[in-house]
Protein backbone atom coordinates (compact mmCIF):
# COMPACT_ATOMS: atom_id res chain seq x y z
CA MET A 1 112.71 115.57 86.39
CA ILE A 2 112.79 112.59 89.00
CA ALA A 3 109.00 112.01 90.00
CA SER A 4 109.11 111.12 93.61
CA ALA A 5 107.94 107.75 95.17
CA VAL A 6 104.30 108.91 96.92
CA ASP A 7 103.54 106.91 100.10
CA PRO A 8 100.40 105.73 99.73
CA ALA A 9 100.07 105.55 104.01
CA ARG A 10 100.50 109.59 103.90
CA ARG A 11 98.31 110.78 101.17
CA PRO A 12 95.47 113.32 102.41
CA ASP A 13 92.65 111.47 100.97
CA VAL A 14 93.78 108.15 103.27
CA LEU A 15 92.06 109.11 106.80
CA LEU A 16 92.40 106.57 108.67
CA ARG A 17 95.51 104.16 107.09
CA VAL A 18 98.13 102.36 108.84
CA ARG A 19 101.04 101.10 107.60
CA ARG A 20 101.71 96.92 108.67
CA ALA A 21 104.51 94.89 107.51
CA GLU A 22 104.14 92.71 104.29
CA GLY A 23 101.84 89.85 104.75
CA HIS A 24 100.07 91.34 107.53
CA GLU A 25 96.30 90.69 108.41
CA VAL A 26 93.54 91.68 111.17
CA SER A 27 92.10 89.50 112.89
CA ALA A 28 89.12 87.66 112.39
CA TRP A 29 87.59 88.40 116.19
CA TRP A 30 88.27 92.54 115.74
CA MET A 31 85.65 92.12 112.61
CA VAL A 32 83.54 89.82 115.41
CA GLY A 33 84.17 92.55 117.80
CA ALA A 34 83.38 95.06 115.65
CA PHE A 35 79.89 93.88 114.45
CA VAL A 36 78.14 93.06 117.54
CA GLY A 37 79.54 96.17 119.21
CA VAL A 38 77.45 98.51 115.87
CA SER A 39 75.16 95.60 116.35
CA ALA A 40 74.71 96.33 119.84
CA ALA A 41 74.61 99.96 118.70
CA VAL A 42 71.70 99.98 116.41
CA VAL A 43 69.79 97.85 118.87
CA SER A 44 70.69 100.68 121.87
CA LEU A 45 69.30 103.26 119.86
CA LEU A 46 66.06 102.09 118.63
CA SER A 47 65.47 101.17 121.20
CA TRP A 48 64.75 104.66 121.94
CA VAL A 49 61.99 104.65 119.55
CA PRO A 50 58.89 105.07 120.74
CA GLY A 51 56.04 102.99 119.49
CA GLY A 52 58.16 99.88 119.22
CA ALA A 53 57.44 96.47 120.41
């Protein structure tokens, strides 16, 4: 019996994996933007906490 090759991107436990070309790297600006976005969300949510500075 020949074991079929399992594509890691099609595994059911992988939710948001995207297949990219070999050697492709994500731009560092996406990480910077994600940091700024999460930081802004945290600051805006903390502004709703009563008794804050």
